[in-house]
Amino acid sequence: MRTLGIIALVALVGLFVWAIALFSIGRTGEDVCLNDMTADRGGSISSASVFPPRYECRYQLDDGSTEVVSHPIRAWTTFATVALFPPAYLIGALILWRTSIRRGPRPKYSHGSPDQLGGGGG
């Protein structure tokens, strides 16, 4: 029963971290395009896809043409957060769980601390 509780806690922590990462990526999406804004560029429209990783800002220029600026680092960061974090977290949690099972339960001291049982130095 204790193992099930630990697994549930690890899963909730992973879900919480992932949700915060997704929220922060979503909030900063338009800031990427606004940071590239210059005097000769008008409105901007962002477009993105998780796979293949792509993040682009389309700007309307003063002469009526459109300029497209690509942001590959932003695209790969989004891809890593959305697609790579959950399986990596799951694999890491499973490895920690397996190593804790192999070690076995920790010894319980029924009559005090190790120092009281003669295990402490000096």
PDB file of N, CA and C in Angstrom:
ATOM      1  N   MET A   1       0.830  -1.196   0.000  1.00  0.00           N
ATOM      2  CA  MET A   1       0.000   0.000   0.000  1.00  0.00           C
ATOM      3  C   MET A   1       0.870   1.253   0.000  1.00  0.00           C
ATOM      4  N   ARG A   2       1.986   1.186   0.739  1.00  0.00           N
ATOM      5  CA  ARG A   2       2.884   2.332   0.795  1.00  0.00           C
ATOM      6  C   ARG A   2       3.487   2.609  -0.576  1.00  0.00           C
ATOM      7  N   THR A   3       3.839   1.563  -1.320  1.00  0.00           N
ATOM      8  CA  THR A   3       4.428   1.725  -2.638  1.00  0.00           C
ATOM      9  C   THR A   3       3.440   2.399  -3.577  1.00  0.00           C
ATOM     10  N   LEU A   4       2.184   2.034  -3.498  1.00  0.00           N
ATOM     11  CA  LEU A   4       1.161   2.640  -4.340  1.00  0.00           C
ATOM     12  C   LEU A   4       1.021   4.132  -4.035  1.00  0.00           C
ATOM     13  N   GLY A   5       1.101   4.492  -2.784  1.00  0.00           N
ATOM     14  CA  GLY A   5       1.036   5.901  -2.397  1.00  0.00           C
ATOM     15  C   GLY A   5       2.218   6.693  -2.916  1.00  0.00           C
ATOM     16  N   ILE A   6       3.404   6.097  -2.869  1.00  0.00           N
ATOM     17  CA  ILE A   6       4.594   6.770  -3.384  1.00  0.00           C
ATOM     18  C   ILE A   6       4.488   6.946  -4.893  1.00  0.00           C
ATOM     19  N   ILE A   7       4.016   5.926  -5.590  1.00  0.00           N
ATOM     20  CA  ILE A   7       3.855   6.015  -7.043  1.00  0.00           C
ATOM     21  C   ILE A   7       2.848   7.113  -7.391  1.00  0.00           C
ATOM     22  N   ALA A   8       1.753   7.186  -6.643  1.00  0.00           N
ATOM     23  CA  ALA A   8       0.753   8.226  -6.890  1.00  0.00           C
ATOM     24  C   ALA A   8       1.332   9.617  -6.637  1.00  0.00           C
ATOM     25  N   LEU A   9       2.127   9.761  -5.592  1.00  0.00           N
ATOM     26  CA  LEU A   9       2.751  11.046  -5.286  1.00  0.00           C
ATOM     27  C   LEU A   9       3.726  11.460  -6.390  1.00  0.00           C
ATOM     28  N   VAL A  10       4.546  10.527  -6.847  1.00  0.00           N
ATOM     29  CA  VAL A  10       5.492  10.819  -7.934  1.00  0.00           C
ATOM     30  C   VAL A  10       4.736  11.199  -9.201  1.00  0.00           C
ATOM     31  N   ALA A  11       3.646  10.502  -9.494  1.00  0.00           N
ATOM     32  CA  ALA A  11       2.854  10.823 -10.683  1.00  0.00           C
ATOM     33  C   ALA A  11       2.235  12.213 -10.576  1.00  0.00           C
ATOM     34  N   LEU A  12       1.730  12.577  -9.413  1.00  0.00           N
ATOM     35  CA  LEU A  12       1.136  13.905  -9.228  1.00  0.00           C
ATOM     36  C   LEU A  12       2.180  15.011  -9.345  1.00  0.00           C
ATOM     37  N   VAL A  13       3.361  14.775  -8.793  1.00  0.00           N
ATOM     38  CA  VAL A  13       4.434  15.769  -8.908  1.00  0.00           C
ATOM     39  C   VAL A  13       4.814  15.959 -10.377  1.00  0.00           C
ATOM     40  N   GLY A  14       4.957  14.859 -11.117  1.00  0.00           N
ATOM     41  CA  GLY A  14       5.283  14.951 -12.530  1.00  0.00           C
ATOM     42  C   GLY A  14       4.213  15.677 -13.318  1.00  0.00           C
ATOM     43  N   LEU A  15       2.957  15.390 -13.035  1.00  0.00           N
ATOM     44  CA  LEU A  15       1.851  16.057 -13.714  1.00  0.00           C
ATOM     45  C   LEU A  15       1.828  17.550 -13.405  1.00  0.00           C
ATOM     46  N   PHE A  16       2.098  17.903 -12.166  1.00  0.00           N
ATOM     47  CA  PHE A  16       2.133  19.306 -11.751  1.00  0.00           C
ATOM     48  C   PHE A  16       3.260  20.059 -12.467  1.00  0.00           C
ATOM     49  N   VAL A  17       4.451  19.477 -12.499  1.00  0.00           N
ATOM     50  CA  VAL A  17       5.587  20.121 -13.175  1.00  0.00           C
ATOM     51  C   VAL A  17       5.299  20.283 -14.664  1.00  0.00           C
ATOM     52  N   TRP A  18       4.730  19.260 -15.269  1.00  0.00           N
ATOM     53  CA  TRP A  18       4.414  19.311 -16.702  1.00  0.00           C
ATOM     54  C   TRP A  18       3.364  20.379 -16.993  1.00  0.00           C
ATOM     55  N   ALA A  19       2.342  20.479 -16.157  1.00  0.00           N
ATOM     56  CA  ALA A  19       1.297  21.482 -16.355  1.00  0.00           C
ATOM     57  C   ALA A  19       1.859  22.902 -16.236  1.00  0.00           C
ATOM     58  N   ILE A  20       2.746  23.120 -15.276  1.00  0.00           N
ATOM     59  CA  ILE A  20       3.355  24.447 -15.130  1.00  0.00           C
ATOM     60  C   ILE A  20       4.210  24.769 -16.350  1.00  0.00           C
ATOM     61  N   ALA A  21       4.948  23.802 -16.862  1.00  0.00           N
ATOM     62  CA  ALA A  21       5.769  24.030 -18.051  1.00  0.00           C
ATOM     63  C   ALA A  21       4.904  24.360 -19.259  1.00  0.00           C
ATOM     64  N   LEU A  22       3.812  23.631 -19.452  1.00  0.00           N
ATOM     65  CA  LEU A  22       2.914  23.915 -20.574  1.00  0.00           C
ATOM     66  C   LEU A  22       2.291  25.299 -20.448  1.00  0.00           C
ATOM     67  N   PHE A  23       1.899  25.662 -19.253  1.00  0.00           N
ATOM     68  CA  PHE A  23       1.295  26.973 -19.026  1.00  0.00           C
ATOM     69  C   PHE A  23       2.289  28.090 -19.324  1.00  0.00           C
ATOM     70  N   SER A  24       3.527  27.933 -18.869  1.00  0.00           N
ATOM     71  CA  SER A  24       4.518  28.990 -19.095  1.00  0.00           C
ATOM     72  C   SER A  24       4.884  29.097 -20.568  1.00  0.00           C
ATOM     73  N   ILE A  25       4.918  27.987 -21.292  1.00  0.00           N
ATOM     74  CA  ILE A  25       5.190  28.047 -22.728  1.00  0.00           C
ATOM     75  C   ILE A  25       4.054  28.746 -23.448  1.00  0.00           C
ATOM     76  N   GLY A  26       2.830  28.458 -23.068  1.00  0.00           N
ATOM     77  CA  GLY A  26       1.690  29.106 -23.696  1.00  0.00           C
ATOM     78  C   GLY A  26       1.638  30.604 -23.438  1.00  0.00           C
ATOM     79  N   ARG A  27       2.014  31.014 -22.251  1.00  0.00           N
ATOM     80  CA  ARG A  27       1.975  32.440 -21.910  1.00  0.00           C
ATOM     81  C   ARG A  27       3.031  33.249 -22.642  1.00  0.00           C
ATOM     82  N   THR A  28       4.174  32.650 -22.911  1.00  0.00           N
ATOM     83  CA  THR A  28       5.265  33.408 -23.522  1.00  0.00           C
ATOM     84  C   THR A  28       5.256  33.328 -25.046  1.00  0.00           C
ATOM     85  N   GLY A  29       4.284  32.641 -25.637  1.00  0.00           N
ATOM     86  CA  GLY A  29       4.255  32.458 -27.081  1.00  0.00           C
ATOM     87  C   GLY A  29       4.207  33.749 -27.877  1.00  0.00           C
ATOM     88  N   GLU A  30       3.313  34.638 -27.527  1.00  0.00           N
ATOM     89  CA  GLU A  30       3.197  35.896 -28.273  1.00  0.00           C
ATOM     90  C   GLU A  30       4.358  36.845 -27.991  1.00  0.00           C
ATOM     91  N   ASP A  31       4.984  36.714 -26.818  1.00  0.00           N
ATOM     92  CA  ASP A  31       6.124  37.570 -26.497  1.00  0.00           C
ATOM     93  C   ASP A  31       7.272  37.370 -27.471  1.00  0.00           C
ATOM     94  N   VAL A  32       7.419  36.164 -27.992  1.00  0.00           N
ATOM     95  CA  VAL A  32       8.492  35.881 -28.941  1.00  0.00           C
ATOM     96  C   VAL A  32       8.322  36.757 -30.175  1.00  0.00           C
ATOM     97  N   CYS A  33       7.119  36.840 -30.686  1.00  0.00           N
ATOM     98  CA  CYS A  33       6.874  37.659 -31.877  1.00  0.00           C
ATOM     99  C   CYS A  33       6.977  39.157 -31.562  1.00  0.00           C
ATOM    100  N   LEU A  34       6.511  39.571 -30.409  1.00  0.00           N
ATOM    101  CA  LEU A  34       6.577  40.988 -30.053  1.00  0.00           C
ATOM    102  C   LEU A  34       8.009  41.454 -29.842  1.00  0.00           C
ATOM    103  N   ASN A  35       8.885  40.551 -29.398  1.00  0.00           N
ATOM    104  CA  ASN A  35      10.287  40.924 -29.212  1.00  0.00           C
ATOM    105  C   ASN A  35      10.981  41.212 -30.535  1.00  0.00           C
ATOM    106  N   ASP A  36      10.516  40.622 -31.626  1.00  0.00           N
ATOM    107  CA  ASP A  36      11.101  40.853 -32.944  1.00  0.00           C
ATOM    108  C   ASP A  36      10.491  42.055 -33.657  1.00  0.00           C
ATOM    109  N   MET A  37       9.507  42.680 -33.072  1.00  0.00           N
ATOM    110  CA  MET A  37       8.798  43.775 -33.719  1.00  0.00           C
ATOM    111  C   MET A  37       9.729  44.974 -33.910  1.00  0.00           C
ATOM    112  N   THR A  38       9.727  45.536 -35.114  1.00  0.00           N
ATOM    113  CA  THR A  38      10.492  46.746 -35.414  1.00  0.00           C
ATOM    114  C   THR A  38       9.540  47.797 -35.981  1.00  0.00           C
ATOM    115  N   ALA A  39      10.077  48.974 -36.279  1.00  0.00           N
ATOM    116  CA  ALA A  39       9.238  50.085 -36.743  1.00  0.00           C
ATOM    117  C   ALA A  39       8.605  49.809 -38.097  1.00  0.00           C
ATOM    118  N   ASP A  40       9.278  49.035 -38.961  1.00  0.00           N
ATOM    119  CA  ASP A  40       8.724  48.798 -40.296  1.00  0.00           C
ATOM    120  C   ASP A  40       7.773  47.600 -40.344  1.00  0.00           C
ATOM    121  N   ARG A  41       7.609  46.922 -39.252  1.00  0.00           N
ATOM    122  CA  ARG A  41       6.707  45.762 -39.212  1.00  0.00           C
ATOM    123  C   ARG A  41       5.399  46.158 -38.546  1.00  0.00           C
ATOM    124  N   GLY A  42       4.304  45.719 -39.128  1.00  0.00           N
ATOM    125  CA  GLY A  42       3.001  45.992 -38.549  1.00  0.00           C
ATOM    126  C   GLY A  42       2.594  44.864 -37.618  1.00  0.00           C
ATOM    127  N   GLY A  43       1.374  44.393 -37.783  1.00  0.00           N
ATOM    128  CA  GLY A  43       0.859  43.335 -36.924  1.00  0.00           C
ATOM    129  C   GLY A  43       1.586  42.017 -37.130  1.00  0.00           C
ATOM    130  N   SER A  44       1.507  41.170 -36.133  1.00  0.00           N
ATOM    131  CA  SER A  44       2.159  39.865 -36.226  1.00  0.00           C
ATOM    132  C   SER A  44       1.161  38.755 -35.947  1.00  0.00           C
ATOM    133  N   ILE A  45       1.384  37.633 -36.590  1.00  0.00           N
ATOM    134  CA  ILE A  45       0.600  36.426 -36.361  1.00  0.00           C
ATOM    135  C   ILE A  45       1.588  35.301 -36.128  1.00  0.00           C
ATOM    136  N   SER A  46       1.391  34.548 -35.066  1.00  0.00           N
ATOM    137  CA  SER A  46       2.290  33.422 -34.805  1.00  0.00           C
ATOM    138  C   SER A  46       1.616  32.128 -35.238  1.00  0.00           C
ATOM    139  N   SER A  47       2.427  31.205 -35.723  1.00  0.00           N
ATOM    140  CA  SER A  47       1.916  29.878 -36.051  1.00  0.00           C
ATOM    141  C   SER A  47       2.934  28.859 -35.563  1.00  0.00           C
ATOM    142  N   ALA A  48       2.428  27.747 -35.061  1.00  0.00           N
ATOM    143  CA  ALA A  48       3.316  26.754 -34.470  1.00  0.00           C
ATOM    144  C   ALA A  48       2.752  25.358 -34.671  1.00  0.00           C
ATOM    145  N   SER A  49       3.639  24.390 -34.631  1.00  0.00           N
ATOM    146  CA  SER A  49       3.231  22.990 -34.596  1.00  0.00           C
ATOM    147  C   SER A  49       4.225  22.237 -33.731  1.00  0.00           C
ATOM    148  N   VAL A  50       3.719  21.252 -33.015  1.00  0.00           N
ATOM    149  CA  VAL A  50       4.582  20.475 -32.128  1.00  0.00           C
ATOM    150  C   VAL A  50       5.424  19.492 -32.929  1.00  0.00           C
ATOM    151  N   PHE A  51       4.803  18.827 -33.907  1.00  0.00           N
ATOM    152  CA  PHE A  51       5.583  17.905 -34.729  1.00  0.00           C
ATOM    153  C   PHE A  51       5.176  18.058 -36.177  1.00  0.00           C
ATOM    154  N   PRO A  52       6.065  18.368 -37.071  1.00  0.00           N
ATOM    155  CA  PRO A  52       7.475  18.675 -36.814  1.00  0.00           C
ATOM    156  C   PRO A  52       7.590  20.003 -36.073  1.00  0.00           C
ATOM    157  N   PRO A  53       8.603  20.128 -35.205  1.00  0.00           N
ATOM    158  CA  PRO A  53       8.738  21.351 -34.404  1.00  0.00           C
ATOM    159  C   PRO A  53       8.897  22.585 -35.294  1.00  0.00           C
ATOM    160  N   ARG A  54       7.978  23.532 -35.126  1.00  0.00           N
ATOM    161  CA  ARG A  54       8.005  24.746 -35.933  1.00  0.00           C
ATOM    162  C   ARG A  54       7.351  25.873 -35.144  1.00  0.00           C
ATOM    163  N   TYR A  55       7.973  27.039 -35.154  1.00  0.00           N
ATOM    164  CA  TYR A  55       7.386  28.239 -34.573  1.00  0.00           C
ATOM    165  C   TYR A  55       7.769  29.412 -35.462  1.00  0.00           C
ATOM    166  N   GLU A  56       6.778  30.086 -36.010  1.00  0.00           N
ATOM    167  CA  GLU A  56       7.016  31.180 -36.943  1.00  0.00           C
ATOM    168  C   GLU A  56       6.184  32.395 -36.568  1.00  0.00           C
ATOM    169  N   CYS A  57       6.756  33.552 -36.861  1.00  0.00           N
ATOM    170  CA  CYS A  57       6.041  34.812 -36.703  1.00  0.00           C
ATOM    171  C   CYS A  57       5.921  35.447 -38.082  1.00  0.00           C
ATOM    172  N   ARG A  58       4.712  35.819 -38.458  1.00  0.00           N
ATOM    173  CA  ARG A  58       4.473  36.475 -39.753  1.00  0.00           C
ATOM    174  C   ARG A  58       4.168  37.945 -39.481  1.00  0.00           C
ATOM    175  N   TYR A  59       4.943  38.812 -40.132  1.00  0.00           N
ATOM    176  CA  TYR A  59       4.796  40.254 -39.938  1.00  0.00           C
ATOM    177  C   TYR A  59       4.303  40.899 -41.224  1.00  0.00           C
ATOM    178  N   GLN A  60       3.415  41.839 -41.070  1.00  0.00           N
ATOM    179  CA  GLN A  60       2.948  42.638 -42.204  1.00  0.00           C
ATOM    180  C   GLN A  60       3.855  43.862 -42.290  1.00  0.00           C
ATOM    181  N   LEU A  61       4.574  44.005 -43.406  1.00  0.00           N
ATOM    182  CA  LEU A  61       5.490  45.127 -43.581  1.00  0.00           C
ATOM    183  C   LEU A  61       4.747  46.343 -44.121  1.00  0.00           C
ATOM    184  N   ASP A  62       5.412  47.515 -44.037  1.00  0.00           N
ATOM    185  CA  ASP A  62       4.801  48.765 -44.495  1.00  0.00           C
ATOM    186  C   ASP A  62       4.476  48.749 -45.984  1.00  0.00           C
ATOM    187  N   ASP A  63       5.272  48.033 -46.765  1.00  0.00           N
ATOM    188  CA  ASP A  63       5.028  48.012 -48.212  1.00  0.00           C
ATOM    189  C   ASP A  63       3.958  46.991 -48.611  1.00  0.00           C
ATOM    190  N   GLY A  64       3.335  46.319 -47.661  1.00  0.00           N
ATOM    191  CA  GLY A  64       2.260  45.379 -47.950  1.00  0.00           C
ATOM    192  C   GLY A  64       2.703  43.927 -48.058  1.00  0.00           C
ATOM    193  N   SER A  65       3.996  43.684 -48.070  1.00  0.00           N
ATOM    194  CA  SER A  65       4.478  42.304 -48.149  1.00  0.00           C
ATOM    195  C   SER A  65       4.495  41.672 -46.749  1.00  0.00           C
ATOM    196  N   THR A  66       4.727  40.386 -46.738  1.00  0.00           N
ATOM    197  CA  THR A  66       4.756  39.638 -45.475  1.00  0.00           C
ATOM    198  C   THR A  66       6.154  39.084 -45.253  1.00  0.00           C
ATOM    199  N   GLU A  67       6.633  39.193 -44.020  1.00  0.00           N
ATOM    200  CA  GLU A  67       7.934  38.638 -43.650  1.00  0.00           C
ATOM    201  C   GLU A  67       7.701  37.529 -42.631  1.00  0.00           C
ATOM    202  N   VAL A  68       8.370  36.397 -42.832  1.00  0.00           N
ATOM    203  CA  VAL A  68       8.240  35.262 -41.922  1.00  0.00           C
ATOM    204  C   VAL A  68       9.570  35.067 -41.194  1.00  0.00           C
ATOM    205  N   VAL A  69       9.517  35.039 -39.867  1.00  0.00           N
ATOM    206  CA  VAL A  69      10.701  34.823 -39.043  1.00  0.00           C
ATOM    207  C   VAL A  69      10.498  33.518 -38.286  1.00  0.00           C
ATOM    208  N   SER A  70      11.456  32.614 -38.428  1.00  0.00           N
ATOM    209  CA  SER A  70      11.376  31.314 -37.777  1.00  0.00           C
ATOM    210  C   SER A  70      12.148  31.337 -36.462  1.00  0.00           C
ATOM    211  N   HIS A  71      11.642  30.599 -35.475  1.00  0.00           N
ATOM    212  CA  HIS A  71      12.285  30.499 -34.163  1.00  0.00           C
ATOM    213  C   HIS A  71      12.485  29.020 -33.824  1.00  0.00           C
ATOM    214  N   PRO A  72      13.580  28.403 -34.291  1.00  0.00           N
ATOM    215  CA  PRO A  72      13.775  26.967 -34.072  1.00  0.00           C
ATOM    216  C   PRO A  72      14.009  26.588 -32.613  1.00  0.00           C
ATOM    217  N   ILE A  73      14.672  27.446 -31.843  1.00  0.00           N
ATOM    218  CA  ILE A  73      14.909  27.114 -30.425  1.00  0.00           C
ATOM    219  C   ILE A  73      13.588  27.056 -29.677  1.00  0.00           C
ATOM    220  N   ARG A  74      12.727  28.005 -29.956  1.00  0.00           N
ATOM    221  CA  ARG A  74      11.393  28.009 -29.333  1.00  0.00           C
ATOM    222  C   ARG A  74      10.606  26.750 -29.725  1.00  0.00           C
ATOM    223  N   ALA A  75      10.712  26.369 -31.000  1.00  0.00           N
ATOM    224  CA  ALA A  75       9.991  25.189 -31.476  1.00  0.00           C
ATOM    225  C   ALA A  75      10.485  23.918 -30.787  1.00  0.00           C
ATOM    226  N   TRP A  76      11.790  23.764 -30.666  1.00  0.00           N
ATOM    227  CA  TRP A  76      12.336  22.551 -30.024  1.00  0.00           C
ATOM    228  C   TRP A  76      12.084  22.546 -28.520  1.00  0.00           C
ATOM    229  N   THR A  77      12.051  23.716 -27.898  1.00  0.00           N
ATOM    230  CA  THR A  77      11.717  23.783 -26.468  1.00  0.00           C
ATOM    231  C   THR A  77      10.281  23.331 -26.237  1.00  0.00           C
ATOM    232  N   THR A  78       9.381  23.782 -27.086  1.00  0.00           N
ATOM    233  CA  THR A  78       7.986  23.357 -26.985  1.00  0.00           C
ATOM    234  C   THR A  78       7.857  21.855 -27.219  1.00  0.00           C
ATOM    235  N   PHE A  79       8.547  21.345 -28.226  1.00  0.00           N
ATOM    236  CA  PHE A  79       8.506  19.914 -28.517  1.00  0.00           C
ATOM    237  C   PHE A  79       9.017  19.101 -27.332  1.00  0.00           C
ATOM    238  N   ALA A  80      10.129  19.543 -26.748  1.00  0.00           N
ATOM    239  CA  ALA A  80      10.692  18.807 -25.604  1.00  0.00           C
ATOM    240  C   ALA A  80       9.738  18.814 -24.417  1.00  0.00           C
ATOM    241  N   THR A  81       9.090  19.939 -24.174  1.00  0.00           N
ATOM    242  CA  THR A  81       8.170  20.025 -23.040  1.00  0.00           C
ATOM    243  C   THR A  81       6.930  19.175 -23.258  1.00  0.00           C
ATOM    244  N   VAL A  82       6.378  19.232 -24.450  1.00  0.00           N
ATOM    245  CA  VAL A  82       5.122  18.536 -24.717  1.00  0.00           C
ATOM    246  C   VAL A  82       5.329  17.043 -24.939  1.00  0.00           C
ATOM    247  N   ALA A  83       6.328  16.680 -25.725  1.00  0.00           N
ATOM    248  CA  ALA A  83       6.454  15.287 -26.169  1.00  0.00           C
ATOM    249  C   ALA A  83       7.532  14.487 -25.454  1.00  0.00           C
ATOM    250  N   LEU A  84       8.607  15.122 -25.008  1.00  0.00           N
ATOM    251  CA  LEU A  84       9.717  14.357 -24.432  1.00  0.00           C
ATOM    252  C   LEU A  84       9.702  14.291 -22.905  1.00  0.00           C
ATOM    253  N   PHE A  85       9.186  15.314 -22.242  1.00  0.00           N
ATOM    254  CA  PHE A  85       9.207  15.318 -20.780  1.00  0.00           C
ATOM    255  C   PHE A  85       8.400  14.171 -20.160  1.00  0.00           C
ATOM    256  N   PRO A  86       7.151  13.918 -20.592  1.00  0.00           N
ATOM    257  CA  PRO A  86       6.387  12.843 -19.932  1.00  0.00           C
ATOM    258  C   PRO A  86       7.050  11.460 -19.999  1.00  0.00           C
ATOM    259  N   PRO A  87       7.505  10.985 -21.165  1.00  0.00           N
ATOM    260  CA  PRO A  87       8.151   9.667 -21.147  1.00  0.00           C
ATOM    261  C   PRO A  87       9.481   9.671 -20.398  1.00  0.00           C
ATOM    262  N   ALA A  88      10.224  10.764 -20.472  1.00  0.00           N
ATOM    263  CA  ALA A  88      11.501  10.818 -19.740  1.00  0.00           C
ATOM    264  C   ALA A  88      11.253  10.778 -18.234  1.00  0.00           C
ATOM    265  N   TYR A  89      10.244  11.497 -17.765  1.00  0.00           N
ATOM    266  CA  TYR A  89       9.901  11.486 -16.347  1.00  0.00           C
ATOM    267  C   TYR A  89       9.437  10.095 -15.919  1.00  0.00           C
ATOM    268  N   LEU A  90       8.623   9.457 -16.744  1.00  0.00           N
ATOM    269  CA  LEU A  90       8.129   8.117 -16.435  1.00  0.00           C
ATOM    270  C   LEU A  90       9.276   7.113 -16.352  1.00  0.00           C
ATOM    271  N   ILE A  91      10.187   7.164 -17.297  1.00  0.00           N
ATOM    272  CA  ILE A  91      11.327   6.240 -17.287  1.00  0.00           C
ATOM    273  C   ILE A  91      12.193   6.476 -16.055  1.00  0.00           C
ATOM    274  N   GLY A  92      12.447   7.750 -15.728  1.00  0.00           N
ATOM    275  CA  GLY A  92      13.225   8.057 -14.527  1.00  0.00           C
ATOM    276  C   GLY A  92      12.548   7.576 -13.257  1.00  0.00           C
ATOM    277  N   ALA A  93      11.237   7.759 -13.165  1.00  0.00           N
ATOM    278  CA  ALA A  93      10.498   7.300 -11.978  1.00  0.00           C
ATOM    279  C   ALA A  93      10.532   5.777 -11.870  1.00  0.00           C
ATOM    280  N   LEU A  94      10.398   5.089 -12.998  1.00  0.00           N
ATOM    281  CA  LEU A  94      10.454   3.623 -12.981  1.00  0.00           C
ATOM    282  C   LEU A  94      11.838   3.114 -12.575  1.00  0.00           C
ATOM    283  N   ILE A  95      12.874   3.778 -13.035  1.00  0.00           N
ATOM    284  CA  ILE A  95      14.232   3.374 -12.652  1.00  0.00           C
ATOM    285  C   ILE A  95      14.431   3.557 -11.151  1.00  0.00           C
ATOM    286  N   LEU A  96      13.992   4.700 -10.616  1.00  0.00           N
ATOM    287  CA  LEU A  96      14.114   4.912  -9.171  1.00  0.00           C
ATOM    288  C   LEU A  96      13.300   3.890  -8.390  1.00  0.00           C
ATOM    289  N   TRP A  97      12.109   3.581  -8.880  1.00  0.00           N
ATOM    290  CA  TRP A  97      11.259   2.611  -8.196  1.00  0.00           C
ATOM    291  C   TRP A  97      11.905   1.226  -8.205  1.00  0.00           C
ATOM    292  N   ARG A  98      12.449   0.812  -9.354  1.00  0.00           N
ATOM    293  CA  ARG A  98      13.090  -0.510  -9.453  1.00  0.00           C
ATOM    294  C   ARG A  98      14.315  -0.602  -8.550  1.00  0.00           C
ATOM    295  N   THR A  99      15.115   0.446  -8.496  1.00  0.00           N
ATOM    296  CA  THR A  99      16.302   0.389  -7.638  1.00  0.00           C
ATOM    297  C   THR A  99      15.909   0.360  -6.167  1.00  0.00           C
ATOM    298  N   SER A 100      14.819   1.019  -5.807  1.00  0.00           N
ATOM    299  CA  SER A 100      14.390   0.969  -4.410  1.00  0.00           C
ATOM    300  C   SER A 100      13.840  -0.408  -4.054  1.00  0.00           C
ATOM    301  N   ILE A 101      13.220  -1.103  -5.007  1.00  0.00           N
ATOM    302  CA  ILE A 101      12.730  -2.461  -4.749  1.00  0.00           C
ATOM    303  C   ILE A 101      13.906  -3.420  -4.573  1.00  0.00           C
ATOM    304  N   ARG A 102      14.926  -3.266  -5.396  1.00  0.00           N
ATOM    305  CA  ARG A 102      16.087  -4.165  -5.303  1.00  0.00           C
ATOM    306  C   ARG A 102      16.823  -4.003  -3.984  1.00  0.00           C
ATOM    307  N   ARG A 103      16.868  -2.781  -3.464  1.00  0.00           N
ATOM    308  CA  ARG A 103      17.543  -2.560  -2.190  1.00  0.00           C
ATOM    309  C   ARG A 103      16.795  -3.183  -1.033  1.00  0.00           C
ATOM    310  N   GLY A 104      15.504  -3.291  -1.174  1.00  0.00           N
ATOM    311  CA  GLY A 104      14.693  -3.870  -0.112  1.00  0.00           C
ATOM    312  C   GLY A 104      14.298  -2.830   0.918  1.00  0.00           C
ATOM    313  N   PRO A 105      13.511  -3.261   1.892  1.00  0.00           N
ATOM    314  CA  PRO A 105      13.070  -2.305   2.917  1.00  0.00           C
ATOM    315  C   PRO A 105      14.225  -1.899   3.822  1.00  0.00           C
ATOM    316  N   ARG A 106      14.126  -0.715   4.351  1.00  0.00           N
ATOM    317  CA  ARG A 106      15.142  -0.238   5.288  1.00  0.00           C
ATOM    318  C   ARG A 106      14.929  -0.926   6.635  1.00  0.00           C
ATOM    319  N   PRO A 107      16.031  -1.175   7.351  1.00  0.00           N
ATOM    320  CA  PRO A 107      15.867  -1.828   8.663  1.00  0.00           C
ATOM    321  C   PRO A 107      15.147  -0.903   9.641  1.00  0.00           C
ATOM    322  N   LYS A 108      14.290  -1.494  10.439  1.00  0.00           N
ATOM    323  CA  LYS A 108      13.558  -0.726  11.439  1.00  0.00           C
ATOM    324  C   LYS A 108      14.163  -1.038  12.806  1.00  0.00           C
ATOM    325  N   TYR A 109      14.382  -0.003  13.579  1.00  0.00           N
ATOM    326  CA  TYR A 109      14.954  -0.173  14.907  1.00  0.00           C
ATOM    327  C   TYR A 109      13.812  -0.125  15.914  1.00  0.00           C
ATOM    328  N   SER A 110      13.551  -1.245  16.532  1.00  0.00           N
ATOM    329  CA  SER A 110      12.416  -1.307  17.447  1.00  0.00           C
ATOM    330  C   SER A 110      12.770  -0.833  18.847  1.00  0.00           C
ATOM    331  N   HIS A 111      14.058  -0.740  19.150  1.00  0.00           N
ATOM    332  CA  HIS A 111      14.446  -0.381  20.517  1.00  0.00           C
ATOM    333  C   HIS A 111      15.296   0.869  20.550  1.00  0.00           C
ATOM    334  N   GLY A 112      15.039   1.808  19.693  1.00  0.00           N
ATOM    335  CA  GLY A 112      15.789   3.054  19.740  1.00  0.00           C
ATOM    336  C   GLY A 112      16.612   3.267  18.481  1.00  0.00           C
ATOM    337  N   SER A 113      17.495   4.222  18.595  1.00  0.00           N
ATOM    338  CA  SER A 113      18.308   4.583  17.442  1.00  0.00           C
ATOM    339  C   SER A 113      19.521   3.658  17.333  1.00  0.00           C
ATOM    340  N   PRO A 114      20.251   3.674  16.224  1.00  0.00           N
ATOM    341  CA  PRO A 114      21.452   2.848  16.097  1.00  0.00           C
ATOM    342  C   PRO A 114      22.498   3.170  17.166  1.00  0.00           C
ATOM    343  N   ASP A 115      22.549   4.414  17.615  1.00  0.00           N
ATOM    344  CA  ASP A 115      23.513   4.790  18.656  1.00  0.00           C
ATOM    345  C   ASP A 115      23.206   4.055  19.963  1.00  0.00           C
ATOM    346  N   GLN A 116      21.947   3.886  20.271  1.00  0.00           N
ATOM    347  CA  GLN A 116      21.566   3.209  21.510  1.00  0.00           C
ATOM    348  C   GLN A 116      21.805   1.712  21.433  1.00  0.00           C
ATOM    349  N   LEU A 117      21.878   1.165  20.215  1.00  0.00           N
ATOM    350  CA  LEU A 117      22.100  -0.261  20.052  1.00  0.00           C
ATOM    351  C   LEU A 117      23.572  -0.624  19.938  1.00  0.00           C
ATOM    352  N   GLY A 118      24.433   0.337  20.149  1.00  0.00           N
ATOM    353  CA  GLY A 118      25.862   0.061  20.088  1.00  0.00           C
ATOM    354  C   GLY A 118      26.442   0.307  18.715  1.00  0.00           C
ATOM    355  N   GLY A 119      25.675   0.893  17.821  1.00  0.00           N
ATOM    356  CA  GLY A 119      26.163   1.139  16.472  1.00  0.00           C
ATOM    357  C   GLY A 119      26.918   2.449  16.348  1.00  0.00           C
ATOM    358  N   GLY A 120      26.796   3.329  17.328  1.00  0.00           N
ATOM    359  CA  GLY A 120      27.447   4.636  17.241  1.00  0.00           C
ATOM    360  C   GLY A 120      28.858   4.569  17.799  1.00  0.00           C
ATOM    361  N   GLY A 121      29.699   5.385  17.255  1.00  0.00           N
ATOM    362  CA  GLY A 121      31.083   5.398  17.708  1.00  0.00           C
ATOM    363  C   GLY A 121      31.233   6.137  19.026  1.00  0.00           C
ATOM    364  N   GLY A 122      32.300   5.871  19.699  1.00  0.00           N
ATOM    365  CA  GLY A 122      32.735   6.517  20.778  1.00  0.00           C
ATOM    366  C   GLY A 122      32.451   6.830  22.059  1.00  0.00           C
TER     367      GLY A 122
END
